[in-house]
Protein backbone atom coordinates (compact mmCIF):
# COMPACT_ATOMS: atom_id res chain seq x y z
CA UNK A 1 -70.91 30.00 76.85
CA UNK A 2 -73.75 31.20 79.46
CA UNK A 3 -73.35 30.54 82.94
CA UNK A 4 -77.00 29.33 83.29
CA UNK A 5 -76.40 27.49 86.58
CA UNK A 6 -75.24 30.43 88.46
CA UNK A 7 -77.67 32.59 90.46
CA UNK A 8 -77.35 36.28 89.69
CA UNK A 9 -77.60 38.51 92.68
CA UNK A 10 -79.95 41.52 91.72
CA UNK A 11 -78.38 44.83 92.14
CA UNK A 12 -80.13 46.90 94.81
CA UNK A 13 -80.84 50.38 93.97
CA UNK A 14 -81.86 53.10 96.48
CA UNK A 15 -85.40 53.94 96.42
CA UNK A 16 -87.19 57.42 96.00
CA UNK A 17 -87.41 58.45 99.64
CA UNK A 18 -83.68 57.47 100.20
CA UNK A 19 -82.58 59.46 97.17
CA UNK A 20 -84.63 62.47 98.54
CA UNK A 21 -83.21 62.21 101.74
CA UNK A 22 -79.72 62.05 100.29
CA UNK A 23 -80.31 65.12 98.13
CA UNK A 24 -81.86 67.22 101.04
CA UNK A 25 -78.81 66.25 103.17
CA UNK A 26 -76.42 67.69 100.61
CA UNK A 27 -78.45 70.96 100.30
CA UNK A 28 -77.78 71.85 103.91
CA UNK A 29 -74.49 73.08 103.83
CA UNK A 30 -74.68 75.06 100.52
CA UNK A 31 -77.92 76.56 101.51
CA UNK A 32 -76.83 77.82 104.83
CA UNK A 33 -73.55 78.87 103.57
CA UNK A 34 -75.35 81.02 100.67
CA UNK A 35 -77.99 82.61 103.26
CA UNK A 36 -75.09 83.65 105.64
CA UNK A 37 -73.09 85.32 102.65
CA UNK A 38 -76.12 87.19 101.36
CA UNK A 39 -77.29 88.05 104.98
CA UNK A 40 -73.73 89.52 105.69
CA UNK A 41 -73.45 91.15 102.30
CA UNK A 42 -76.96 92.94 102.86
CA UNK A 43 -76.08 94.03 106.68
CA UNK A 44 -72.73 95.68 105.17
CA UNK A 45 -74.61 97.23 102.17
CA UNK A 46 -74.49 100.68 103.66
CA UNK A 47 -71.24 100.73 105.31
CA UNK A 48 -68.80 102.64 103.40
CA UNK A 49 -65.42 101.08 102.66
CA UNK A 50 -63.49 104.12 103.59
CA UNK A 51 -60.09 102.18 103.74
CA UNK A 52 -60.63 101.64 99.96
CA UNK A 53 -61.28 105.16 98.92
CA UNK A 54 -58.25 105.17 96.95
CA UNK A 55 -59.83 102.78 94.41
CA UNK A 56 -62.35 105.72 93.29
CA UNK A 57 -59.59 108.05 92.04
CA UNK A 58 -60.02 106.27 88.77
CA UNK A 59 -62.50 108.89 88.03
CA UNK A 60 -63.02 112.05 90.35
CA UNK A 61 -66.73 112.02 89.36
CA UNK A 62 -67.18 108.77 91.42
CA UNK A 63 -66.32 110.89 94.72
CA UNK A 64 -69.93 111.99 95.07
CA UNK A 65 -71.14 109.35 97.51
CA UNK A 66 -70.08 106.21 99.46
CA UNK A 67 -71.24 103.93 96.63
CA UNK A 68 -68.28 101.64 97.22
CA UNK A 69 -69.41 99.65 100.35
CA UNK A 70 -68.23 96.55 102.42
CA UNK A 71 -71.33 94.68 101.20
CA UNK A 72 -69.97 94.78 97.48
CA UNK A 73 -66.90 93.39 98.88
CA UNK A 74 -68.30 90.67 100.43
CA UNK A 75 -70.84 89.67 97.58
CA UNK A 76 -68.38 87.76 95.40
CA UNK A 77 -68.07 85.03 98.18
CA UNK A 78 -71.56 83.87 96.86
CA UNK A 79 -69.63 82.76 93.79
CA UNK A 80 -66.98 80.99 96.02
CA UNK A 81 -69.88 78.85 97.61
CA UNK A 82 -71.47 78.10 94.12
CA UNK A 83 -68.11 76.98 92.84
CA UNK A 84 -67.27 74.44 95.56
CA UNK A 85 -70.91 73.34 95.44
CA UNK A 86 -70.86 72.87 91.66
CA UNK A 87 -67.48 71.24 92.00
CA UNK A 88 -69.02 68.52 94.42
CA UNK A 89 -72.31 67.94 93.37
CA UNK A 90 -72.90 69.48 89.90
CA UNK A 91 -75.30 72.15 88.46
CA UNK A 92 -78.44 70.70 89.21
CA UNK A 93 -77.98 70.65 93.10
CA UNK A 94 -76.13 73.92 92.95
CA UNK A 95 -79.21 75.50 91.22
CA UNK A 96 -81.73 73.96 93.83
CA UNK A 97 -79.46 75.47 96.71
CA UNK A 98 -79.61 78.96 95.27
CA UNK A 99 -83.28 78.74 94.64
CA UNK A 100 -83.95 77.49 98.26
CA UNK A 101 -81.58 80.14 99.77
CA UNK A 102 -83.75 82.79 97.86
CA UNK A 103 -86.98 81.25 99.13
CA UNK A 104 -85.75 81.22 102.63
CA UNK A 105 -84.51 84.75 102.51
CA UNK A 106 -87.69 85.79 100.87
CA UNK A 107 -89.61 83.95 103.67
CA UNK A 108 -87.61 85.54 106.47
CA UNK A 109 -88.23 88.95 105.10
CA UNK A 110 -91.71 88.29 104.80
CA UNK A 111 -92.21 87.06 108.39
CA UNK A 112 -90.32 89.90 109.69
CA UNK A 113 -92.67 92.42 107.94
CA UNK A 114 -95.80 90.52 108.96
CA UNK A 115 -94.59 90.39 112.53
CA UNK A 116 -93.79 94.08 112.86
CA UNK A 117 -89.92 93.44 113.33
CA UNK A 118 -89.47 95.55 109.90
CA UNK A 119 -92.01 98.38 110.07
CA UNK A 120 -91.59 99.49 106.54
CA UNK A 121 -89.83 97.28 103.82
CA UNK A 122 -89.13 100.31 101.42
CA UNK A 123 -87.38 102.37 104.22
CA UNK A 124 -85.77 99.98 106.41
CA UNK A 125 -84.53 97.43 103.86
CA UNK A 126 -84.43 98.92 100.31
CA UNK A 127 -86.88 100.68 97.97
CA UNK A 128 -89.10 98.10 95.94
CA UNK A 129 -87.23 98.94 92.80
CA UNK A 130 -83.74 98.55 93.89
CA UNK A 131 -84.52 95.54 96.12
CA UNK A 132 -86.05 93.89 92.59
CA UNK A 133 -82.82 95.09 90.82
CA UNK A 134 -80.61 93.42 93.44
CA UNK A 135 -82.38 90.14 93.36
CA UNK A 136 -82.82 90.10 89.68
CA UNK A 137 -79.14 90.84 89.10
CA UNK A 138 -77.83 88.43 91.69
CA UNK A 139 -80.13 85.66 90.65
CA UNK A 140 -78.83 86.24 86.81
CA UNK A 141 -75.32 86.23 87.97
CA UNK A 142 -75.62 82.98 90.03
CA UNK A 143 -77.12 81.21 87.05
CA UNK A 144 -74.51 82.59 84.62
CA UNK A 145 -71.97 81.37 87.35
CA UNK A 146 -73.35 77.75 87.71
CA UNK A 147 -73.77 77.35 83.89
CA UNK A 148 -70.23 78.51 83.18
CA UNK A 149 -68.73 76.35 85.91
CA UNK A 150 -70.55 73.49 84.37
CA UNK A 151 -69.58 74.14 80.93
CA UNK A 152 -65.86 74.73 81.79
CA UNK A 153 -65.24 72.15 84.23
CA UNK A 154 -62.30 69.87 83.61
CA UNK A 155 -58.56 70.13 82.94
CA UNK A 156 -56.90 72.61 83.86
CA UNK A 157 -58.85 72.56 87.22
CA UNK A 158 -58.45 76.39 87.86
CA UNK A 159 -60.28 77.23 84.55
CA UNK A 160 -63.76 76.38 85.73
CA UNK A 161 -63.79 78.31 89.32
CA UNK A 162 -61.91 81.40 87.69
CA UNK A 163 -64.03 82.05 84.98
CA UNK A 164 -67.20 81.14 86.73
CA UNK A 165 -66.40 83.84 89.47
CA UNK A 166 -65.22 86.20 86.83
CA UNK A 167 -68.08 86.24 84.51
CA UNK A 168 -70.55 85.86 87.20
CA UNK A 169 -69.23 89.00 88.76
CA UNK A 170 -69.39 90.60 85.54
CA UNK A 171 -72.71 89.67 85.08
CA UNK A 172 -73.91 91.12 88.59
CA UNK A 173 -72.07 94.54 87.89
CA UNK A 174 -73.57 94.95 84.52
CA UNK A 175 -77.06 93.94 85.19
CA UNK A 176 -77.40 96.02 88.35
CA UNK A 177 -75.61 99.18 87.07
CA UNK A 178 -77.11 99.09 84.00
CA UNK A 179 -80.78 98.44 84.81
CA UNK A 180 -83.29 100.79 83.27
CA UNK A 181 -84.12 102.57 86.66
CA UNK A 182 -80.31 103.11 87.45
CA UNK A 183 -78.86 106.71 86.94
CA UNK A 184 -76.75 106.59 83.66
CA UNK A 185 -74.52 109.39 84.75
CA UNK A 186 -71.00 110.35 83.93
CA UNK A 187 -69.50 108.07 86.58
CA UNK A 188 -71.28 104.79 85.34
CA UNK A 189 -68.26 103.79 83.21
CA UNK A 190 -65.90 104.35 86.12
CA UNK A 191 -68.10 102.35 88.50
CA UNK A 192 -68.18 99.38 86.12
CA UNK A 193 -64.43 99.43 85.72
CA UNK A 194 -63.86 99.57 89.53
CA UNK A 195 -66.39 96.60 90.21
CA UNK A 196 -64.83 94.74 87.35
CA UNK A 197 -61.56 95.05 88.96
CA UNK A 198 -62.74 93.91 92.22
CA UNK A 199 -64.20 90.84 90.46
CA UNK A 200 -61.21 90.06 88.59
CA UNK A 201 -59.21 90.12 92.02
CA UNK A 202 -61.54 87.86 93.52
CA UNK A 203 -61.69 85.45 90.85
CA UNK A 204 -57.96 85.26 91.12
CA UNK A 205 -57.69 85.23 94.89
CA UNK A 206 -60.23 82.56 95.27
CA UNK A 207 -58.30 80.14 93.36
CA UNK A 208 -55.90 79.72 96.35
CA UNK A 209 -58.56 78.44 98.77
CA UNK A 210 -60.06 76.34 95.87
CA UNK A 211 -56.81 74.74 95.07
CA UNK A 212 -56.27 73.97 98.78
CA UNK A 213 -59.72 72.27 99.24
CA UNK A 214 -59.47 70.26 96.19
CA UNK A 215 -58.42 67.12 98.10
CA UNK A 216 -61.03 67.70 100.65
CA UNK A 217 -63.97 68.54 98.52
CA UNK A 218 -63.78 66.00 95.63
CA UNK A 219 -66.58 65.50 92.74
CA UNK A 220 -68.97 62.71 92.95
CA UNK A 221 -68.67 60.15 90.15
CA UNK A 222 -69.73 61.41 87.12
CA UNK A 223 -68.73 64.93 87.52
CA UNK A 224 -64.95 64.37 86.63
CA UNK A 225 -62.05 64.68 88.77
CA UNK A 226 -60.39 68.18 88.06
């Protein structure tokens, strides 16, 4: 029997501008975190990691330069930020945060060059082919990371963050070191092995803070509770 005599209260749904404001507010922390990590990794890109020289004994042919830098060690933190954002807000907002962070970094570099703070991009930042290779490789790795997390999220909870960080790291290492303009020398295979070991170590280590933050950073409704 229908309750025709009972007035139904219409469900109030947030308007477009309200949803837009909510989305923008959610983007602030991920975008700032990504910009900070990428900025620190860039500043440390030329600082040799002398304390980790023992890593390169995997192949003596690698001992020809300081390719193993602190920037390479810091870079996997990007995947940690992406994993936490994906857990909380899902793939769409995480992709948006990654895109906005690139726009802000590109805008900041362009402004610095225009204002004369950076006199010459190629000499003070990076040669254009290398800069394009870094951006392309990291953007590809970010996309792989986000899609992997979205695909693997669920039970057990550690599967998505572990595989997303690991596969994202492998994607960056392969895309950057095996680019057409990169030197395919005798040390290429050993560099890939060392970097893969670093990304495997990071993927395992980041599970500890991820597990500790699970109660604080809970998925929104619709993204599962794992």
